[in-house]
């Protein structure tokens, strides 16, 4: 039996038992991290991690949306809100006011991936349907103009 006040200087795997490496339960933090990494590679660990991530995403929808927007368009929620304010809280094309029924959609060039502005869903879809082609849109304007004059 060890003498009173005796403390091991290493864990069973040889890691130093320093204040930085010992958790509250006196277990080795290096070993704990290694066990955790090994567990996450197992099918059970992967399923458990996926479940944790889904639960977190459900509790933090705004953070998820911000991250997705940053990945897709390279624009943060703050930058989007600044654009919306600059546009007077209105669609850059039809000028409808953004609200719950007409939330802003981030419009971007599919070639350069650069953000152009904030549009309502209808205008954003419309530009996409015309394949962002200026000539096709101009032809559509001329076509509609012919019939507007006849009314």
Protein backbone atom coordinates (compact mmCIF):
# COMPACT_ATOMS: atom_id res chain seq x y z
CA UNK A 1 0.00 0.00 0.00
CA UNK A 2 1.41 3.42 -0.94
CA UNK A 3 2.34 5.89 1.76
CA UNK A 4 -0.10 8.65 2.69
CA UNK A 5 0.03 11.58 0.27
CA UNK A 6 1.44 9.40 -2.53
CA UNK A 7 0.15 10.31 -5.98
CA UNK A 8 0.83 8.59 -9.27
CA UNK A 9 2.75 10.78 -11.70
CA UNK A 10 1.30 9.14 -14.85
CA UNK A 11 -1.94 7.48 -15.94
CA UNK A 12 -1.99 3.79 -16.89
CA UNK A 13 -1.08 4.79 -20.48
CA UNK A 14 1.90 6.87 -19.41
CA UNK A 15 0.46 10.39 -19.77
CA UNK A 16 1.70 12.87 -17.17
CA UNK A 17 -0.74 13.58 -14.33
CA UNK A 18 -0.46 17.37 -14.29
CA UNK A 19 -3.18 19.79 -13.14
CA UNK A 20 -3.85 20.60 -16.82
CA UNK A 21 -4.25 16.93 -17.74
CA UNK A 22 -6.42 15.68 -14.88
CA UNK A 23 -10.19 16.21 -14.91
CA UNK A 24 -12.38 16.60 -11.81
CA UNK A 25 -12.83 12.84 -11.51
CA UNK A 26 -9.01 12.49 -11.60
CA UNK A 27 -9.10 10.82 -15.02
CA UNK A 28 -6.55 11.61 -17.72
CA UNK A 29 -7.86 14.15 -20.22
CA UNK A 30 -5.61 12.85 -23.03
CA UNK A 31 -7.03 9.33 -22.60
CA UNK A 32 -10.57 10.70 -22.41
CA UNK A 33 -10.14 12.57 -25.72
CA UNK A 34 -8.67 9.47 -27.36
CA UNK A 35 -11.59 7.32 -26.17
CA UNK A 36 -14.05 9.92 -27.42
CA UNK A 37 -12.41 10.07 -30.88
CA UNK A 38 -12.39 6.28 -31.13
CA UNK A 39 -16.07 6.11 -30.11
CA UNK A 40 -17.07 8.71 -32.70
CA UNK A 41 -15.62 6.48 -35.44
CA UNK A 42 -17.92 3.58 -34.51
CA UNK A 43 -21.39 3.28 -36.08
CA UNK A 44 -22.98 3.90 -32.66
CA UNK A 45 -20.81 6.96 -32.10
CA UNK A 46 -21.61 8.38 -35.53
CA UNK A 47 -25.33 7.89 -34.97
CA UNK A 48 -25.14 9.48 -31.52
CA UNK A 49 -23.20 12.48 -32.90
CA UNK A 50 -25.69 12.93 -35.76
CA UNK A 51 -28.54 12.87 -33.24
CA UNK A 52 -26.77 15.52 -31.12
CA UNK A 53 -26.22 17.71 -34.18
CA UNK A 54 -29.87 17.46 -35.27
CA UNK A 55 -31.03 18.37 -31.77
CA UNK A 56 -28.66 21.35 -31.68
CA UNK A 57 -29.82 22.51 -35.13
CA UNK A 58 -33.44 22.32 -33.98
CA UNK A 59 -32.65 24.50 -30.95
CA UNK A 60 -30.57 27.00 -32.98
CA UNK A 61 -32.33 27.57 -36.34
CA UNK A 62 -31.02 31.13 -36.73
CA UNK A 63 -27.42 29.97 -36.36
CA UNK A 64 -27.98 27.17 -38.88
CA UNK A 65 -29.50 29.60 -41.39
CA UNK A 66 -26.64 32.05 -40.91
CA UNK A 67 -24.07 29.30 -41.50
CA UNK A 68 -25.87 27.99 -44.59
CA UNK A 69 -26.11 31.50 -46.02
CA UNK A 70 -22.42 32.10 -45.33
CA UNK A 71 -21.51 28.83 -47.10
CA UNK A 72 -23.87 29.32 -50.08
CA UNK A 73 -23.44 33.03 -50.73
CA UNK A 74 -20.50 34.21 -48.62
CA UNK A 75 -22.75 36.71 -46.82
CA UNK A 76 -23.56 36.87 -43.13
CA UNK A 77 -26.96 37.63 -41.62
CA UNK A 78 -25.64 41.05 -40.59
CA UNK A 79 -24.55 41.82 -44.17
CA UNK A 80 -27.93 40.65 -45.49
CA UNK A 81 -29.73 42.89 -43.00
CA UNK A 82 -27.56 45.83 -44.08
CA UNK A 83 -28.57 45.22 -47.72
CA UNK A 84 -32.23 45.02 -46.76
CA UNK A 85 -31.96 48.31 -44.87
CA UNK A 86 -30.13 49.91 -47.83
CA UNK A 87 -32.99 48.76 -50.10
CA UNK A 88 -35.59 50.30 -47.77
CA UNK A 89 -36.85 46.86 -46.65
CA UNK A 90 -38.13 46.28 -50.20
CA UNK A 91 -37.43 43.93 -53.10
CA UNK A 92 -34.81 45.46 -55.42
CA UNK A 93 -36.96 44.59 -58.49
CA UNK A 94 -40.69 44.91 -57.73
CA UNK A 95 -40.29 47.09 -54.59
CA UNK A 96 -42.74 45.00 -52.52
CA UNK A 97 -42.10 45.41 -48.80
CA UNK A 98 -40.50 42.42 -47.08
CA UNK A 99 -42.65 40.77 -44.40
CA UNK A 100 -43.49 37.25 -43.24
CA UNK A 101 -45.45 36.55 -46.41
CA UNK A 102 -42.64 37.99 -48.59
CA UNK A 103 -39.31 37.22 -46.89
CA UNK A 104 -36.10 38.41 -48.56
CA UNK A 105 -34.16 35.97 -50.72
CA UNK A 106 -30.48 36.52 -51.40
CA UNK A 107 -29.96 37.01 -55.14
CA UNK A 108 -26.57 36.05 -56.53
CA UNK A 109 -24.87 35.58 -59.89
CA UNK A 110 -24.55 31.89 -60.65
CA UNK A 111 -21.39 32.49 -62.68
CA UNK A 112 -19.38 34.57 -60.18
CA UNK A 113 -21.29 33.53 -57.01
CA UNK A 114 -21.35 37.21 -55.97
CA UNK A 115 -24.37 38.54 -54.10
CA UNK A 116 -26.31 41.20 -56.01
CA UNK A 117 -29.05 42.10 -53.55
CA UNK A 118 -32.21 40.98 -51.78
CA UNK A 119 -35.32 40.06 -53.74
CA UNK A 120 -38.75 38.67 -52.99
CA UNK A 121 -39.20 35.00 -53.84
CA UNK A 122 -41.19 35.73 -57.01
CA UNK A 123 -38.57 38.06 -58.51
CA UNK A 124 -35.71 35.79 -57.49
CA UNK A 125 -37.42 32.81 -59.14
CA UNK A 126 -38.31 34.90 -62.20
CA UNK A 127 -34.69 35.87 -62.81
CA UNK A 128 -33.72 32.24 -62.46
CA UNK A 129 -36.41 31.15 -64.93
CA UNK A 130 -34.95 33.57 -67.48
CA UNK A 131 -31.49 32.09 -66.76
CA UNK A 132 -30.31 35.58 -65.74
CA UNK A 133 -30.13 36.40 -69.45
CA UNK A 134 -30.46 40.15 -70.10
CA UNK A 135 -31.38 39.66 -73.77
CA UNK A 136 -34.18 37.22 -72.92
CA UNK A 137 -35.51 39.59 -70.26
CA UNK A 138 -35.39 42.47 -72.76
CA UNK A 139 -37.35 40.38 -75.27
CA UNK A 140 -39.93 39.62 -72.56
CA UNK A 141 -40.29 43.36 -71.84
CA UNK A 142 -40.78 44.14 -75.55
CA UNK A 143 -43.32 41.31 -75.82
CA UNK A 144 -45.34 42.57 -72.85
CA UNK A 145 -45.09 46.17 -74.07
CA UNK A 146 -46.79 45.26 -77.36
CA UNK A 147 -49.83 43.97 -75.54
CA UNK A 148 -49.93 46.74 -72.95
CA UNK A 149 -50.29 49.33 -75.73
CA UNK A 150 -53.16 47.39 -77.30
CA UNK A 151 -55.22 47.51 -74.10
